[in-house]
């Protein structure tokens, strides 16, 4: 993996913007679905359609709750530097780049692949407290910590 320099504050803001973008998109779909549910006639002929829409609204609400929770969790993620891995650390191993923050999954930042993982994830728990040069194995994948930001 090539050696790149990342600005941790910019990375944090990028993840926050990604979450905000997902919230805005979900709000659009939720409003669209609510509007569609109001326009369906109140006859038994349309009961199954109304049920489907209500189910969709329920799922969208659950997704919105998760995203709003991620936004709250990002407030806990600080930009402090540390020699050991903890919440807010950007960890670069010989296999991947991790941002220990929220469970957002894979994303691309400055052309590089990152994984935003929760501090409760097995990978974050495995890495917590470790230092540069430490090696570990998870799911039969051996990794070496090359850098901590």
N, C-alpha and C. Protein backbone atom coordinates (compact mmCIF):
# COMPACT_ATOMS: atom_id res chain seq x y z
N UNK A 1 0.84 -1.17 0.00
CA UNK A 1 0.00 0.00 0.00
C UNK A 1 0.88 1.24 0.00
N UNK A 2 0.55 2.22 -0.83
CA UNK A 2 1.36 3.42 -0.90
C UNK A 2 1.17 4.27 0.35
N UNK A 3 2.19 5.01 0.69
CA UNK A 3 2.17 5.89 1.85
C UNK A 3 1.45 7.17 1.45
N UNK A 4 0.35 7.48 2.11
CA UNK A 4 -0.41 8.70 1.84
C UNK A 4 -0.60 9.45 3.14
N UNK A 5 -0.76 10.73 3.04
CA UNK A 5 -0.99 11.57 4.21
C UNK A 5 -2.46 11.98 4.22
N UNK A 6 -3.15 11.70 5.32
CA UNK A 6 -4.57 12.02 5.44
C UNK A 6 -4.76 13.04 6.55
N UNK A 7 -5.65 13.99 6.32
CA UNK A 7 -6.03 14.95 7.34
C UNK A 7 -7.20 14.35 8.10
N UNK A 8 -6.98 14.03 9.36
CA UNK A 8 -7.99 13.34 10.16
C UNK A 8 -9.26 14.18 10.32
N UNK A 9 -9.11 15.49 10.47
CA UNK A 9 -10.27 16.37 10.60
C UNK A 9 -11.10 16.37 9.32
N UNK A 10 -10.44 16.41 8.17
CA UNK A 10 -11.15 16.36 6.89
C UNK A 10 -11.85 15.02 6.71
N UNK A 11 -11.22 13.95 7.12
CA UNK A 11 -11.82 12.62 7.03
C UNK A 11 -13.08 12.55 7.90
N UNK A 12 -12.98 13.08 9.11
CA UNK A 12 -14.13 13.10 10.03
C UNK A 12 -15.28 13.90 9.40
N UNK A 13 -14.97 15.08 8.85
CA UNK A 13 -16.00 15.90 8.21
C UNK A 13 -16.60 15.20 7.00
N UNK A 14 -15.77 14.48 6.25
CA UNK A 14 -16.25 13.75 5.08
C UNK A 14 -17.27 12.68 5.50
N UNK A 15 -16.97 11.95 6.56
CA UNK A 15 -17.89 10.92 7.05
C UNK A 15 -19.19 11.57 7.55
N UNK A 16 -19.08 12.67 8.26
CA UNK A 16 -20.27 13.37 8.73
C UNK A 16 -21.13 13.84 7.55
N UNK A 17 -20.49 14.34 6.50
CA UNK A 17 -21.23 14.78 5.32
C UNK A 17 -21.90 13.61 4.61
N UNK A 18 -21.21 12.47 4.57
CA UNK A 18 -21.81 11.28 3.95
C UNK A 18 -23.09 10.88 4.70
N UNK A 19 -23.03 10.90 6.02
CA UNK A 19 -24.20 10.54 6.82
C UNK A 19 -25.32 11.55 6.58
N UNK A 20 -24.97 12.84 6.57
CA UNK A 20 -25.98 13.89 6.33
C UNK A 20 -26.62 13.72 4.96
N UNK A 21 -25.82 13.37 3.95
CA UNK A 21 -26.35 13.13 2.62
C UNK A 21 -27.33 11.97 2.60
N UNK A 22 -27.00 10.92 3.34
CA UNK A 22 -27.90 9.77 3.42
C UNK A 22 -29.20 10.15 4.13
N UNK A 23 -29.11 11.00 5.15
CA UNK A 23 -30.30 11.46 5.86
C UNK A 23 -31.20 12.25 4.92
N UNK A 24 -30.61 13.16 4.14
CA UNK A 24 -31.40 13.98 3.20
C UNK A 24 -32.08 13.11 2.15
N UNK A 25 -31.36 12.13 1.63
CA UNK A 25 -31.94 11.22 0.63
C UNK A 25 -33.09 10.44 1.24
N UNK A 26 -32.88 9.95 2.45
CA UNK A 26 -33.92 9.17 3.12
C UNK A 26 -35.14 10.04 3.44
N UNK A 27 -34.91 11.29 3.82
CA UNK A 27 -36.02 12.21 4.07
C UNK A 27 -36.85 12.40 2.81
N UNK A 28 -36.17 12.52 1.66
CA UNK A 28 -36.88 12.66 0.40
C UNK A 28 -37.77 11.44 0.15
N UNK A 29 -37.21 10.24 0.29
CA UNK A 29 -38.00 9.02 0.05
C UNK A 29 -39.13 8.88 1.06
N UNK A 30 -38.88 9.25 2.29
CA UNK A 30 -39.91 9.16 3.32
C UNK A 30 -41.06 10.12 3.01
N UNK A 31 -40.73 11.35 2.65
CA UNK A 31 -41.78 12.33 2.30
C UNK A 31 -42.55 11.89 1.06
N UNK A 32 -41.83 11.36 0.07
CA UNK A 32 -42.48 10.87 -1.14
C UNK A 32 -43.45 9.73 -0.81
N UNK A 33 -43.02 8.82 0.02
CA UNK A 33 -43.84 7.67 0.39
C UNK A 33 -45.05 8.10 1.22
N UNK A 34 -44.84 9.05 2.13
CA UNK A 34 -45.97 9.56 2.93
C UNK A 34 -47.00 10.24 2.03
N UNK A 35 -46.53 11.02 1.08
CA UNK A 35 -47.43 11.70 0.15
C UNK A 35 -48.21 10.68 -0.68
N UNK A 36 -47.52 9.64 -1.12
CA UNK A 36 -48.19 8.59 -1.90
C UNK A 36 -49.26 7.89 -1.06
N UNK A 37 -48.98 7.69 0.23
CA UNK A 37 -49.95 7.00 1.09
C UNK A 37 -51.20 7.84 1.29
N UNK A 38 -51.06 9.17 1.26
CA UNK A 38 -52.23 10.05 1.43
C UNK A 38 -53.12 10.05 0.19
N UNK A 39 -52.54 9.77 -0.96
CA UNK A 39 -53.29 9.84 -2.21
C UNK A 39 -54.04 8.55 -2.57
N UNK A 40 -53.78 7.49 -1.82
CA UNK A 40 -54.46 6.22 -2.12
C UNK A 40 -55.86 6.26 -1.55
N UNK A 41 -56.82 5.86 -2.37
CA UNK A 41 -58.22 5.89 -1.97
C UNK A 41 -58.48 4.96 -0.80
N UNK A 42 -59.42 5.35 0.02
CA UNK A 42 -59.76 4.58 1.22
C UNK A 42 -60.84 3.54 0.91
N UNK A 43 -60.54 2.62 0.03
CA UNK A 43 -61.46 1.53 -0.25
C UNK A 43 -60.73 0.22 -0.03
N UNK A 44 -61.47 -0.84 0.18
CA UNK A 44 -60.87 -2.15 0.43
C UNK A 44 -60.04 -2.61 -0.76
N UNK A 45 -60.35 -2.09 -1.92
CA UNK A 45 -59.63 -2.45 -3.14
C UNK A 45 -58.14 -2.11 -3.02
N UNK A 46 -57.80 -1.10 -2.24
CA UNK A 46 -56.42 -0.63 -2.12
C UNK A 46 -55.75 -0.98 -0.78
N UNK A 47 -56.37 -1.85 -0.01
CA UNK A 47 -55.82 -2.21 1.31
C UNK A 47 -54.40 -2.78 1.22
N UNK A 48 -54.17 -3.68 0.27
CA UNK A 48 -52.84 -4.31 0.19
C UNK A 48 -51.76 -3.27 -0.19
N UNK A 49 -52.12 -2.32 -1.03
CA UNK A 49 -51.16 -1.27 -1.41
C UNK A 49 -50.85 -0.40 -0.19
N UNK A 50 -51.92 -0.05 0.57
CA UNK A 50 -51.70 0.76 1.78
C UNK A 50 -50.82 0.02 2.78
N UNK A 51 -51.02 -1.27 2.92
CA UNK A 51 -50.19 -2.07 3.84
C UNK A 51 -48.73 -2.07 3.40
N UNK A 52 -48.50 -2.21 2.10
CA UNK A 52 -47.13 -2.19 1.58
C UNK A 52 -46.46 -0.85 1.85
N UNK A 53 -47.21 0.21 1.63
CA UNK A 53 -46.66 1.54 1.87
C UNK A 53 -46.36 1.74 3.35
N UNK A 54 -47.24 1.30 4.21
CA UNK A 54 -47.00 1.42 5.65
C UNK A 54 -45.77 0.62 6.06
N UNK A 55 -45.59 -0.53 5.47
CA UNK A 55 -44.41 -1.35 5.74
C UNK A 55 -43.14 -0.62 5.29
N UNK A 56 -43.21 0.01 4.11
CA UNK A 56 -42.08 0.77 3.59
C UNK A 56 -41.76 1.96 4.50
N UNK A 57 -42.78 2.65 4.97
CA UNK A 57 -42.59 3.78 5.88
C UNK A 57 -41.92 3.31 7.17
N UNK A 58 -42.35 2.17 7.67
CA UNK A 58 -41.75 1.60 8.88
C UNK A 58 -40.25 1.33 8.66
N UNK A 59 -39.89 0.74 7.53
CA UNK A 59 -38.48 0.44 7.24
C UNK A 59 -37.67 1.72 7.06
N UNK A 60 -38.24 2.71 6.40
CA UNK A 60 -37.55 3.98 6.22
C UNK A 60 -37.33 4.67 7.58
N UNK A 61 -38.33 4.59 8.45
CA UNK A 61 -38.19 5.16 9.80
C UNK A 61 -37.06 4.49 10.58
N UNK A 62 -36.96 3.17 10.44
CA UNK A 62 -35.88 2.44 11.13
C UNK A 62 -34.52 2.88 10.59
N UNK A 63 -34.41 3.02 9.28
CA UNK A 63 -33.15 3.48 8.69
C UNK A 63 -32.82 4.89 9.14
N UNK A 64 -33.83 5.75 9.22
CA UNK A 64 -33.62 7.13 9.66
C UNK A 64 -33.13 7.16 11.11
N UNK A 65 -33.71 6.31 11.95
CA UNK A 65 -33.28 6.23 13.35
C UNK A 65 -31.80 5.84 13.42
N UNK A 66 -31.42 4.87 12.61
CA UNK A 66 -30.02 4.42 12.59
C UNK A 66 -29.09 5.54 12.14
N UNK A 67 -29.47 6.26 11.10
CA UNK A 67 -28.63 7.35 10.60
C UNK A 67 -28.54 8.50 11.62
N UNK A 68 -29.64 8.84 12.25
CA UNK A 68 -29.63 9.90 13.28
C UNK A 68 -28.75 9.48 14.45
N UNK A 69 -28.80 8.20 14.79
CA UNK A 69 -27.95 7.67 15.85
C UNK A 69 -26.47 7.79 15.46
N UNK A 70 -26.15 7.51 14.18
CA UNK A 70 -24.78 7.66 13.69
C UNK A 70 -24.33 9.12 13.82
N UNK A 71 -25.22 10.05 13.50
CA UNK A 71 -24.87 11.46 13.63
C UNK A 71 -24.54 11.80 15.08
N UNK A 72 -25.33 11.28 16.02
CA UNK A 72 -25.05 11.53 17.44
C UNK A 72 -23.73 10.89 17.86
N UNK A 73 -23.48 9.68 17.38
CA UNK A 73 -22.24 8.97 17.72
C UNK A 73 -21.02 9.70 17.18
N UNK A 74 -21.15 10.33 16.02
CA UNK A 74 -20.01 11.06 15.45
C UNK A 74 -19.60 12.25 16.32
N UNK A 75 -20.51 12.72 17.17
CA UNK A 75 -20.15 13.80 18.10
C UNK A 75 -19.13 13.32 19.13
N UNK A 76 -19.13 12.03 19.43
CA UNK A 76 -18.18 11.44 20.39
C UNK A 76 -16.81 11.20 19.77
N UNK A 77 -16.76 11.16 18.43
CA UNK A 77 -15.52 10.86 17.74
C UNK A 77 -14.68 12.13 17.68
N UNK A 78 -13.56 12.10 18.38
CA UNK A 78 -12.69 13.28 18.46
C UNK A 78 -11.49 13.12 17.55
N UNK A 79 -10.81 14.22 17.31
CA UNK A 79 -9.65 14.21 16.43
C UNK A 79 -8.32 14.15 17.18
N UNK A 80 -8.34 13.68 18.40
CA UNK A 80 -7.11 13.62 19.16
C UNK A 80 -6.19 12.54 18.60
N UNK A 81 -4.91 12.74 18.76
CA UNK A 81 -3.95 11.74 18.31
C UNK A 81 -3.53 10.89 19.50
N UNK A 82 -3.19 9.66 19.22
CA UNK A 82 -2.79 8.74 20.27
C UNK A 82 -1.85 7.71 19.66
N UNK A 83 -1.00 7.16 20.48
CA UNK A 83 -0.11 6.11 20.00
C UNK A 83 -0.78 4.75 20.00
N UNK A 84 -1.93 4.67 20.68
CA UNK A 84 -2.68 3.42 20.69
C UNK A 84 -4.03 3.65 20.00
N UNK A 85 -4.60 2.57 19.52
CA UNK A 85 -5.86 2.65 18.78
C UNK A 85 -7.04 2.78 19.73
N UNK A 86 -7.90 3.75 19.43
CA UNK A 86 -9.14 3.94 20.19
C UNK A 86 -10.17 4.62 19.29
N UNK A 87 -11.30 5.02 19.87
CA UNK A 87 -12.35 5.68 19.11
C UNK A 87 -11.79 6.93 18.44
N UNK A 88 -12.00 7.07 17.15
CA UNK A 88 -11.52 8.22 16.39
C UNK A 88 -10.21 7.96 15.66
N UNK A 89 -9.59 6.82 15.92
CA UNK A 89 -8.31 6.51 15.27
C UNK A 89 -8.52 6.15 13.80
N UNK A 90 -7.58 6.60 13.00
CA UNK A 90 -7.49 6.14 11.61
C UNK A 90 -6.35 5.14 11.62
N UNK A 91 -6.66 3.89 11.29
CA UNK A 91 -5.69 2.81 11.37
C UNK A 91 -5.38 2.32 9.96
N UNK A 92 -4.11 2.33 9.64
CA UNK A 92 -3.69 1.83 8.33
C UNK A 92 -2.89 0.56 8.58
N UNK A 93 -3.39 -0.54 8.03
CA UNK A 93 -2.70 -1.82 8.15
C UNK A 93 -2.11 -2.15 6.78
N UNK A 94 -1.41 -3.27 6.71
CA UNK A 94 -0.86 -3.69 5.43
C UNK A 94 -1.96 -4.20 4.48
N UNK A 95 -3.19 -4.32 4.97
CA UNK A 95 -4.30 -4.83 4.14
C UNK A 95 -5.37 -3.79 3.86
N UNK A 96 -5.63 -2.86 4.80
CA UNK A 96 -6.76 -1.94 4.66
C UNK A 96 -6.58 -0.69 5.52
N UNK A 97 -7.51 0.25 5.32
CA UNK A 97 -7.55 1.48 6.11
C UNK A 97 -8.87 1.51 6.87
N UNK A 98 -8.81 1.74 8.17
CA UNK A 98 -10.00 1.75 9.01
C UNK A 98 -10.14 3.10 9.71
N UNK A 99 -11.38 3.54 9.83
CA UNK A 99 -11.69 4.73 10.62
C UNK A 99 -12.64 4.27 11.71
N UNK A 100 -12.15 4.25 12.95
CA UNK A 100 -12.96 3.75 14.05
C UNK A 100 -13.88 4.87 14.51
N UNK A 101 -15.13 4.77 14.10
CA UNK A 101 -16.09 5.85 14.34
C UNK A 101 -17.51 5.29 14.44
N UNK A 102 -18.14 5.13 13.30
CA UNK A 102 -19.50 4.57 13.22
C UNK A 102 -19.51 3.46 12.18
N UNK A 103 -20.52 2.65 12.23
CA UNK A 103 -20.61 1.50 11.34
C UNK A 103 -21.20 1.91 9.99
N UNK A 104 -20.40 2.62 9.21
CA UNK A 104 -20.85 3.10 7.91
C UNK A 104 -20.42 2.17 6.78
N UNK A 105 -19.37 1.40 7.02
CA UNK A 105 -18.90 0.47 6.00
C UNK A 105 -17.87 1.09 5.07
N UNK A 106 -17.82 0.56 3.87
CA UNK A 106 -16.80 0.96 2.91
C UNK A 106 -17.13 2.33 2.30
N UNK A 107 -16.09 3.15 2.13
CA UNK A 107 -16.22 4.40 1.42
C UNK A 107 -14.86 4.78 0.84
N UNK A 108 -14.88 5.70 -0.09
CA UNK A 108 -13.63 6.14 -0.73
C UNK A 108 -13.35 7.58 -0.34
N UNK A 109 -12.11 7.83 0.08
CA UNK A 109 -11.68 9.16 0.49
C UNK A 109 -10.33 9.44 -0.16
N UNK A 110 -10.27 10.52 -0.90
CA UNK A 110 -9.07 10.90 -1.64
C UNK A 110 -8.54 9.74 -2.51
N UNK A 111 -9.48 9.02 -3.10
CA UNK A 111 -9.13 7.94 -4.01
C UNK A 111 -8.75 6.63 -3.34
N UNK A 112 -8.78 6.59 -2.01
CA UNK A 112 -8.41 5.37 -1.29
C UNK A 112 -9.63 4.77 -0.60
N UNK A 113 -9.64 3.45 -0.50
CA UNK A 113 -10.72 2.73 0.15
C UNK A 113 -10.51 2.73 1.66
N UNK A 114 -11.56 3.10 2.38
CA UNK A 114 -11.57 3.08 3.83
C UNK A 114 -12.76 2.27 4.30
N UNK A 115 -12.70 1.85 5.55
CA UNK A 115 -13.84 1.20 6.19
C UNK A 115 -14.12 1.94 7.49
N UNK A 116 -15.30 2.56 7.57
CA UNK A 116 -15.73 3.19 8.82
C UNK A 116 -16.38 2.09 9.64
N UNK A 117 -15.77 1.81 10.79
CA UNK A 117 -16.27 0.72 11.64
C UNK A 117 -16.57 1.25 13.03
N UNK A 118 -17.53 0.65 13.66
CA UNK A 118 -17.92 1.01 15.02
C UNK A 118 -16.87 0.48 16.00
N UNK A 119 -16.75 1.17 17.14
CA UNK A 119 -15.82 0.68 18.16
C UNK A 119 -16.29 -0.65 18.76
N UNK A 120 -17.53 -1.02 18.48
CA UNK A 120 -18.08 -2.29 18.97
C UNK A 120 -17.87 -3.44 17.99
N UNK A 121 -17.35 -3.15 16.81
CA UNK A 121 -17.14 -4.20 15.82
C UNK A 121 -16.00 -5.12 16.25
N UNK A 122 -16.03 -6.37 15.81
CA UNK A 122 -14.94 -7.30 16.16
C UNK A 122 -13.56 -6.78 15.74
N UNK A 123 -13.48 -6.13 14.58
CA UNK A 123 -12.19 -5.61 14.12
C UNK A 123 -11.68 -4.51 15.05
N UNK A 124 -12.55 -3.58 15.42
CA UNK A 124 -12.14 -2.49 16.32
C UNK A 124 -11.76 -3.03 17.69
N UNK A 125 -12.51 -4.01 18.17
CA UNK A 125 -12.18 -4.60 19.48
C UNK A 125 -10.83 -5.30 19.42
N UNK A 126 -10.54 -5.94 18.29
CA UNK A 126 -9.27 -6.63 18.13
C UNK A 126 -8.11 -5.63 18.12
N UNK A 127 -8.32 -4.48 17.49
CA UNK A 127 -7.25 -3.50 17.35
C UNK A 127 -7.11 -2.56 18.55
N UNK A 128 -8.14 -2.42 19.34
CA UNK A 128 -8.15 -1.44 20.45
C UNK A 128 -6.92 -1.59 21.35
N UNK A 129 -6.26 -0.47 21.58
CA UNK A 129 -5.11 -0.43 22.47
C UNK A 129 -3.79 -0.86 21.84
N UNK A 130 -3.84 -1.34 20.60
CA UNK A 130 -2.62 -1.79 19.94
C UNK A 130 -1.83 -0.60 19.39
N UNK A 131 -0.55 -0.83 19.13
CA UNK A 131 0.35 0.21 18.64
C UNK A 131 0.87 -0.14 17.26
N UNK A 132 1.54 0.83 16.63
CA UNK A 132 2.16 0.61 15.32
C UNK A 132 3.15 -0.54 15.42
N UNK A 133 3.12 -1.41 14.41
CA UNK A 133 4.02 -2.56 14.38
C UNK A 133 3.39 -3.83 14.93
N UNK A 134 2.30 -3.69 15.66
CA UNK A 134 1.62 -4.86 16.22
C UNK A 134 0.94 -5.63 15.09
N UNK A 135 0.95 -6.95 15.22
CA UNK A 135 0.27 -7.81 14.25
C UNK A 135 -0.88 -8.53 14.92
N UNK A 136 -1.90 -8.82 14.14
CA UNK A 136 -3.06 -9.54 14.66
C UNK A 136 -3.72 -10.32 13.53
N UNK A 137 -4.54 -11.29 13.92
CA UNK A 137 -5.26 -12.11 12.95
C UNK A 137 -6.73 -12.13 13.34
N UNK A 138 -7.59 -11.85 12.37
CA UNK A 138 -9.03 -11.92 12.56
C UNK A 138 -9.62 -12.57 11.32
N UNK A 139 -10.45 -13.58 11.53
CA UNK A 139 -11.06 -14.33 10.42
C UNK A 139 -10.01 -14.85 9.44
N UNK A 140 -8.93 -15.38 9.96
CA UNK A 140 -7.83 -15.95 9.19
C UNK A 140 -7.13 -14.94 8.28
N UNK A 141 -7.29 -13.65 8.58
CA UNK A 141 -6.58 -12.62 7.83
C UNK A 141 -5.58 -11.96 8.77
N UNK A 142 -4.31 -12.13 8.42
CA UNK A 142 -3.23 -11.59 9.25
C UNK A 142 -2.90 -10.17 8.79
N UNK A 143 -2.86 -9.24 9.75
CA UNK A 143 -2.58 -7.84 9.42
C UNK A 143 -1.53 -7.26 10.36
N UNK A 144 -0.83 -6.27 9.85
CA UNK A 144 0.17 -5.55 10.64
C UNK A 144 -0.22 -4.07 10.65
N UNK A 145 -0.24 -3.46 11.81
CA UNK A 145 -0.59 -2.05 11.93
C UNK A 145 0.61 -1.22 11.50
N UNK A 146 0.44 -0.44 10.44
CA UNK A 146 1.53 0.36 9.90
C UNK A 146 1.50 1.81 10.34
N UNK A 147 0.29 2.32 10.61
CA UNK A 147 0.18 3.74 10.99
C UNK A 147 -1.10 3.96 11.77
N UNK A 148 -1.04 4.86 12.75
CA UNK A 148 -2.21 5.27 13.52
C UNK A 148 -2.27 6.79 13.49
N UNK A 149 -3.38 7.32 13.05
CA UNK A 149 -3.58 8.78 13.05
C UNK A 149 -4.61 9.16 14.08
